[in-house]
Amino acid sequence: MFILSFLFGMLTFAVYRVLIRAFYTIKPDERAIITTFGRAQRLSKLMVKDATLSDEEMARYQVPRLHTINPGGPYFKWPWQEVHRVRVVTEAVDLTWDPTKTQHTVEAVTKDNLTTGVGGQIRFRVAENNLYAYCFGVDSPLEHVMGYFIAVLRERIATFVDPRGQSFVVNNDPNINSVELSEGVSINDLRKNLPLLNAYMEQQCHCTSARYGIELDAALITQIDPPPEVDRALSAINTTRNQVAADISTARADAEQQITMSKRAVEIARNNAQAEVAPLKELAQTLARIKMTGGSAALKAYLRNLRMPLLGRATRIIRITDSSQ
C-alpha cells in the first residue's frame, strides 16, 4: 500500500510538472526568454552592438542576442526549462526611488556650493534587443540605472553654467544688461534651464540600453528646491534684480526719448536754416543770370526796379555821400 501511494504521488507530481506546468502563455505587454539548465537560448553568434559605447566599453559589455518569445500561447516547455517574463511597456519611476533607503528628494551640490534638492521622474522601458543584460547582467538593473542617472545628474548640476549668460560674457555684447546674467546664482540658472538639463540627461543615458538593458525614454526633472534659508535669500536677490532691471529699462526709455527729441530739434533747425538760405541762393542765381545775359547795365536796372517798391513804402530815406568828392 505504501509503495502504491508513493508511485501514485510520483505520477501525480510528474503529470503536474510535465503536463500542467509545461504550458504557459505570454501577455501582450510581455516578452519571454527560455533557459535550459540555466543557459538562455541564443540567436547563433549575434552580439548586441551599440554605437554609444566606446571601444573599451564594447569589449566589456559584449552580450549575446537572445531568442525572444512573443505574446501568445500556449507554449510548451520541458521541466528542465524555465521561462523568464519581462514587461516591455514604458514605466515611470520617481527620482527618489531607492530600494536601500527612504528619501523625499535627491540632494545635489551646485557650482557655488549650495545644497539643493532635485525632484522629478524618469520614463524607461526594457530594451527588447538586449534582454540578456537585463535578465542576467546585474541583479537589479533598475537600481543600477538609477544610480548611474543620479551620478550623472549630480555631476551636471555641480558644473552647470547658464549658456545664455555665458554667451553674453564671451561675446561681450554691449546691448545686454548685467542683470540679465546669472551672477553666479546657479540655482536660478538651473531653474531657468530645466529643458536643457533634461535633454543633457537623456543624451548621457543612451548607453544604459547596452549596459543594463534599459532604455531611457525621457528625463522629467521638474523641481529644484534649495533649503528654506537659501530660498529666501534667492527671493530677495531676484526681487532686487527685477527692481534694478525695471530701473534700467525706465532709464533707457527716458534716454531714448531724449535722444529722439534732440534729433527732431536738430532736424527742425536744419530745415529752418535751409528755408532761410534758399531765397538768398535763388536771388544770387537770378542776379548771376541777369549779369551774364545783359551785363552790368541790366543788373543795375534790375536792382533799381527791385528797389522802387521798397522806396515807395519807406517813410525816411538817408543817403550817404562821399565827402571827398
Protein backbone atom coordinates (compact mmCIF):
# COMPACT_ATOMS: atom_id res chain seq x y z
CA MET A 1 0.00 0.00 0.00
CA PHE A 2 2.78 2.42 0.85
CA ILE A 3 4.56 1.70 -2.41
CA LEU A 4 1.35 2.24 -4.39
CA SER A 5 0.71 5.57 -2.63
CA PHE A 6 4.28 6.63 -3.33
CA LEU A 7 4.01 5.69 -7.00
CA PHE A 8 0.65 7.47 -7.28
CA GLY A 9 2.16 10.58 -5.73
CA MET A 10 5.12 10.46 -8.10
CA LEU A 11 2.77 10.04 -11.05
CA THR A 12 0.64 12.97 -9.91
CA PHE A 13 3.72 15.15 -9.47
CA ALA A 14 5.04 14.15 -12.89
CA VAL A 15 1.70 14.97 -14.51
CA TYR A 16 1.64 18.34 -12.76
CA ARG A 17 5.22 19.19 -13.73
CA VAL A 18 5.18 17.84 -17.25
CA LEU A 19 1.63 18.42 -18.43
CA ILE A 20 0.13 21.22 -16.37
CA ARG A 21 3.15 23.48 -15.78
CA ALA A 22 4.64 22.66 -19.17
CA PHE A 23 2.24 25.04 -20.90
CA TYR A 24 2.45 28.81 -20.49
CA THR A 25 1.24 32.00 -22.18
CA ILE A 26 2.81 35.42 -22.71
CA LYS A 27 0.76 38.58 -22.14
CA PRO A 28 0.67 41.38 -24.77
CA ASP A 29 2.90 43.63 -22.66
CA GLU A 30 5.47 40.90 -22.03
CA ARG A 31 8.35 39.20 -23.76
CA ALA A 32 9.90 35.95 -22.56
CA ILE A 33 13.13 34.00 -22.88
CA ILE A 34 13.70 30.33 -22.16
CA THR A 35 16.67 28.97 -20.22
CA THR A 36 17.65 25.31 -20.45
CA PHE A 37 19.58 24.18 -17.38
CA GLY A 38 20.21 27.87 -16.71
CA ARG A 39 21.51 28.75 -20.20
CA ALA A 40 19.40 31.10 -22.31
CA GLN A 41 18.55 30.30 -25.92
CA ARG A 42 20.72 32.47 -28.17
CA LEU A 43 20.46 33.68 -31.76
CA SER A 44 23.53 31.97 -33.20
CA LYS A 45 26.61 34.14 -32.54
CA LEU A 46 24.93 37.54 -32.85
CA MET A 47 26.12 40.09 -30.29
CA VAL A 48 24.46 43.27 -29.07
CA LYS A 49 26.15 46.35 -30.55
CA ASP A 50 25.63 49.97 -29.59
CA ALA A 51 27.30 52.98 -31.22
CA THR A 52 27.11 54.99 -27.98
CA LEU A 53 29.74 52.77 -26.32
CA SER A 54 33.46 53.28 -26.68
CA ASP A 55 35.80 50.52 -27.84
CA GLU A 56 36.74 49.73 -24.24
CA GLU A 57 33.08 49.55 -23.19
CA MET A 58 32.21 47.42 -26.20
CA ALA A 59 34.77 44.87 -25.07
CA ARG A 60 33.38 44.98 -21.52
CA TYR A 61 29.68 44.77 -22.42
CA GLN A 62 29.73 42.04 -25.05
CA VAL A 63 26.44 40.18 -24.57
CA PRO A 64 24.63 37.79 -26.92
CA ARG A 65 21.32 38.30 -28.63
CA LEU A 66 18.64 36.00 -27.20
CA HIS A 67 15.73 34.19 -28.76
CA THR A 68 12.61 36.10 -27.68
CA ILE A 69 9.16 34.60 -27.30
CA ASN A 70 6.45 36.99 -28.43
CA PRO A 71 2.98 37.37 -26.86
CA GLY A 72 0.66 34.46 -27.40
CA GLY A 73 0.42 30.85 -26.42
CA PRO A 74 0.01 28.36 -25.08
CA TYR A 75 3.66 27.41 -25.45
CA PHE A 76 5.31 24.19 -24.25
CA LYS A 77 8.47 23.83 -22.17
CA TRP A 78 10.26 20.90 -20.63
CA PRO A 79 10.58 20.55 -16.86
CA TRP A 80 14.29 21.44 -17.00
CA GLN A 81 13.47 24.69 -18.78
CA GLU A 82 12.45 27.96 -17.13
CA VAL A 83 10.51 30.90 -18.51
CA HIS A 84 11.72 34.46 -17.74
CA ARG A 85 8.99 37.02 -18.39
CA VAL A 86 9.85 40.70 -18.90
CA ARG A 87 7.42 43.62 -19.14
CA VAL A 88 8.32 45.85 -22.11
CA VAL A 89 5.87 48.72 -21.53
CA THR A 90 7.08 52.21 -20.72
CA GLU A 91 7.13 52.81 -16.98
CA ALA A 92 7.84 55.83 -14.77
CA VAL A 93 9.82 55.91 -11.56
CA ASP A 94 10.46 58.79 -9.17
CA LEU A 95 13.99 60.10 -8.84
CA THR A 96 13.85 59.44 -5.12
CA TRP A 97 13.29 55.71 -5.64
CA ASP A 98 15.96 53.71 -3.84
CA PRO A 99 15.39 50.17 -2.51
CA THR A 100 18.01 50.67 0.20
CA LYS A 101 16.60 53.81 1.82
CA THR A 102 13.66 56.19 2.02
CA GLN A 103 14.14 59.73 0.78
CA HIS A 104 11.91 62.59 -0.29
CA THR A 105 14.40 64.40 -2.52
CA VAL A 106 17.76 63.87 -4.20
CA GLU A 107 20.43 66.17 -2.82
CA ALA A 108 22.99 67.77 -5.13
CA VAL A 109 25.63 70.49 -4.71
CA THR A 110 25.75 73.35 -7.22
CA LYS A 111 28.87 75.05 -8.56
CA ASP A 112 28.62 77.76 -5.90
CA ASN A 113 28.46 75.18 -3.09
CA LEU A 114 24.72 75.39 -2.44
CA THR A 115 22.97 72.17 -1.48
CA THR A 116 19.68 71.80 -3.32
CA GLY A 117 17.02 69.16 -3.63
CA VAL A 118 16.10 67.75 -7.03
CA GLY A 119 12.78 66.12 -7.84
CA GLY A 120 11.17 64.57 -10.88
CA GLN A 121 10.69 61.31 -12.73
CA ILE A 122 12.28 59.25 -15.45
CA ARG A 123 10.44 57.13 -18.01
CA PHE A 124 12.07 53.91 -19.13
CA ARG A 125 11.39 50.61 -20.80
CA VAL A 126 13.22 47.31 -21.16
CA ALA A 127 15.35 47.05 -24.32
CA GLU A 128 13.93 44.12 -26.27
CA ASN A 129 17.18 43.68 -28.23
CA ASN A 130 19.25 43.33 -25.05
CA LEU A 131 17.29 41.10 -22.69
CA TYR A 132 20.48 39.27 -21.69
CA ALA A 133 21.86 42.34 -19.89
CA TYR A 134 18.52 42.99 -18.20
CA CYS A 135 17.92 39.41 -17.01
CA PHE A 136 21.45 38.16 -16.36
CA GLY A 137 23.80 41.15 -16.41
CA VAL A 138 23.13 42.56 -12.92
CA ASP A 139 20.90 41.63 -10.02
CA SER A 140 18.83 44.84 -10.12
CA PRO A 141 19.08 46.66 -13.47
CA LEU A 142 16.74 49.50 -12.49
CA GLU A 143 18.75 50.18 -9.34
CA HIS A 144 21.94 50.39 -11.39
CA VAL A 145 20.31 52.71 -13.92
CA MET A 146 19.01 54.98 -11.17
CA GLY A 147 22.44 55.10 -9.55
CA TYR A 148 24.05 55.96 -12.88
CA PHE A 149 21.40 58.61 -13.60
CA ILE A 150 21.79 60.28 -10.19
CA ALA A 151 25.61 60.28 -10.52
CA VAL A 152 25.44 61.99 -13.94
CA LEU A 153 22.80 64.42 -12.67
CA ARG A 154 24.89 65.47 -9.67
CA GLU A 155 27.97 65.94 -11.84
CA ARG A 156 25.99 68.10 -14.28
CA ILE A 157 24.47 70.24 -11.53
CA ALA A 158 27.90 70.75 -9.96
CA THR A 159 29.29 72.17 -13.23
CA PHE A 160 26.20 73.77 -14.78
CA VAL A 161 26.57 77.27 -16.24
CA ASP A 162 23.77 79.20 -17.90
CA PRO A 163 24.66 79.00 -21.63
CA ARG A 164 22.80 82.25 -22.36
CA GLY A 165 24.72 84.20 -19.74
CA GLN A 166 27.98 82.54 -20.75
CA SER A 167 27.48 83.56 -24.37
CA PHE A 168 26.89 87.17 -23.22
CA VAL A 169 30.20 87.14 -21.38
CA VAL A 170 32.13 85.54 -24.25
CA ASN A 171 30.70 87.81 -26.95
CA ASN A 172 30.94 90.93 -24.74
CA ASP A 173 27.69 92.25 -26.16
CA PRO A 174 27.20 95.89 -25.05
CA ASN A 175 23.44 95.67 -25.58
CA ILE A 176 23.00 93.12 -22.77
CA ASN A 177 22.24 94.15 -19.22
CA SER A 178 24.47 92.83 -16.48
CA VAL A 179 21.31 91.95 -14.53
CA GLU A 180 20.42 89.51 -17.30
CA LEU A 181 23.45 87.38 -16.49
CA SER A 182 23.44 84.57 -13.96
CA GLU A 183 25.65 86.48 -11.48
CA GLY A 184 26.83 83.17 -10.02
CA VAL A 185 23.43 82.09 -8.67
CA SER A 186 23.46 78.60 -10.15
CA ILE A 187 20.08 77.58 -8.67
CA ASN A 188 18.40 80.31 -10.71
CA ASP A 189 20.29 79.10 -13.78
CA LEU A 190 19.12 75.54 -13.22
CA ARG A 191 15.51 76.58 -12.74
CA LYS A 192 15.56 78.60 -15.96
CA ASN A 193 17.20 75.81 -17.99
CA LEU A 194 15.38 72.66 -16.88
CA PRO A 195 14.67 71.62 -20.53
CA LEU A 196 18.40 71.82 -21.29
CA LEU A 197 19.17 69.78 -18.19
CA ASN A 198 16.61 67.11 -19.17
CA ALA A 199 17.97 66.96 -22.74
CA TYR A 200 21.52 66.53 -21.43
CA MET A 201 20.46 63.71 -19.11
CA GLU A 202 18.66 61.88 -21.93
CA GLN A 203 21.73 62.18 -24.14
CA GLN A 204 24.12 60.92 -21.46
CA CYS A 205 21.90 57.95 -20.59
CA HIS A 206 21.63 56.50 -24.09
CA CYS A 207 24.30 53.94 -23.17
CA THR A 208 22.14 52.34 -20.46
CA SER A 209 20.49 50.17 -23.11
CA ALA A 210 23.78 48.41 -23.91
CA ARG A 211 24.96 48.34 -20.29
CA TYR A 212 21.87 47.31 -18.35
CA GLY A 213 19.20 46.52 -20.94
CA ILE A 214 17.06 49.53 -20.01
CA GLU A 215 16.25 52.34 -22.45
CA LEU A 216 15.69 55.79 -21.00
CA ASP A 217 12.60 57.25 -22.65
CA ALA A 218 12.59 60.70 -21.03
CA ALA A 219 14.04 62.62 -18.11
CA LEU A 220 11.46 64.80 -16.34
CA ILE A 221 13.30 66.90 -13.76
CA THR A 222 10.59 69.25 -12.58
CA GLN A 223 11.84 70.96 -9.43
CA ILE A 224 14.99 72.44 -7.94
CA ASP A 225 14.29 73.13 -4.26
CA PRO A 226 17.05 74.70 -2.15
CA PRO A 227 16.85 74.85 1.66
CA PRO A 228 14.36 77.41 3.06
CA GLU A 229 17.01 79.93 4.14
CA VAL A 230 18.67 79.78 0.73
CA ASP A 231 15.31 80.08 -0.99
CA ARG A 232 14.53 83.26 0.98
CA ALA A 233 17.90 84.72 0.04
CA LEU A 234 17.30 83.87 -3.62
CA SER A 235 13.89 85.51 -3.47
CA ALA A 236 15.50 88.69 -2.12
CA ILE A 237 18.14 88.56 -4.86
CA ASN A 238 15.54 88.06 -7.56
CA THR A 239 13.43 90.92 -6.21
CA THR A 240 16.45 93.23 -6.23
CA ARG A 241 17.44 92.14 -9.72
CA ASN A 242 13.92 92.73 -11.00
CA GLN A 243 13.89 96.19 -9.46
CA VAL A 244 17.27 97.01 -10.99
CA ALA A 245 16.10 95.71 -14.35
CA ALA A 246 12.95 97.87 -14.12
CA ASP A 247 15.02 100.96 -13.23
CA ILE A 248 17.43 100.32 -16.09
CA SER A 249 14.54 99.84 -18.51
CA THR A 250 12.99 103.12 -17.36
CA ALA A 251 16.32 104.95 -17.70
CA ARG A 252 16.81 103.51 -21.18
CA ALA A 253 13.32 104.60 -22.22
CA ASP A 254 13.94 108.13 -20.94
CA ALA A 255 17.33 108.30 -22.66
CA GLU A 256 15.87 107.08 -25.95
CA GLN A 257 13.07 109.66 -25.67
CA GLN A 258 15.56 112.49 -25.05
CA ILE A 259 17.71 111.34 -27.96
CA THR A 260 14.69 111.22 -30.24
CA MET A 261 13.58 114.69 -29.20
CA SER A 262 17.10 116.06 -29.74
CA LYS A 263 17.27 114.53 -33.20
CA ARG A 264 13.92 116.10 -34.10
CA ALA A 265 15.02 119.52 -32.77
CA VAL A 266 18.20 119.37 -34.86
CA GLU A 267 16.17 118.38 -37.91
CA ILE A 268 13.73 121.27 -37.39
CA ALA A 269 16.60 123.79 -37.02
CA ARG A 270 18.25 122.41 -40.16
CA ASN A 271 15.01 122.78 -42.11
CA ASN A 272 14.53 126.38 -40.89
CA ALA A 273 18.07 127.31 -41.88
CA GLN A 274 17.61 125.73 -45.30
CA ALA A 275 14.34 127.65 -45.69
CA GLU A 276 16.09 130.96 -44.94
CA VAL A 277 19.06 130.25 -47.17
CA ALA A 278 17.02 129.04 -50.14
CA PRO A 279 15.65 132.53 -51.19
CA LEU A 280 19.16 134.02 -50.95
CA LYS A 281 20.59 131.26 -53.15
CA GLU A 282 17.76 131.74 -55.63
CA LEU A 283 18.36 135.53 -55.69
CA ALA A 284 22.08 135.06 -56.23
CA GLN A 285 21.43 132.70 -59.14
CA THR A 286 18.93 135.20 -60.62
CA LEU A 287 21.42 138.09 -60.38
CA ALA A 288 24.15 135.95 -61.94
CA ARG A 289 21.92 135.05 -64.88
CA ILE A 290 20.89 138.73 -65.40
CA LYS A 291 24.50 139.89 -65.41
CA MET A 292 25.52 137.07 -67.73
CA THR A 293 22.71 137.90 -70.15
CA GLY A 294 22.54 141.71 -70.15
CA GLY A 295 25.75 142.79 -68.50
CA SER A 296 26.25 145.30 -65.68
CA ALA A 297 23.75 147.75 -67.10
CA ALA A 298 20.96 145.21 -66.98
CA LEU A 299 21.97 144.28 -63.44
CA LYS A 300 21.84 147.93 -62.32
CA ALA A 301 18.45 148.39 -63.97
CA TYR A 302 17.13 145.25 -62.23
CA LEU A 303 18.39 146.46 -58.86
CA ARG A 304 16.82 149.89 -59.44
CA ASN A 305 13.48 148.37 -60.32
CA LEU A 306 13.70 145.99 -57.35
CA ARG A 307 14.44 148.96 -55.10
CA MET A 308 11.47 151.05 -56.23
CA PRO A 309 8.78 149.19 -54.22
CA LEU A 310 10.94 149.45 -51.14
CA LEU A 311 11.39 153.17 -51.62
CA GLY A 312 7.64 153.59 -52.06
CA ARG A 313 7.00 152.03 -48.62
CA ALA A 314 9.81 153.92 -46.88
CA THR A 315 8.99 156.94 -44.67
CA ARG A 316 12.56 158.20 -44.46
CA ILE A 317 15.46 157.85 -46.85
CA ILE A 318 19.03 158.52 -45.76
CA ARG A 319 21.63 158.90 -48.43
CA ILE A 320 25.28 158.79 -47.61
CA THR A 321 27.63 160.58 -49.98
CA ASP A 322 31.36 160.57 -50.13
CA SER A 323 32.72 163.81 -48.55
CA SER A 324 35.90 163.67 -50.57
CA GLN A 325 34.11 164.31 -53.84
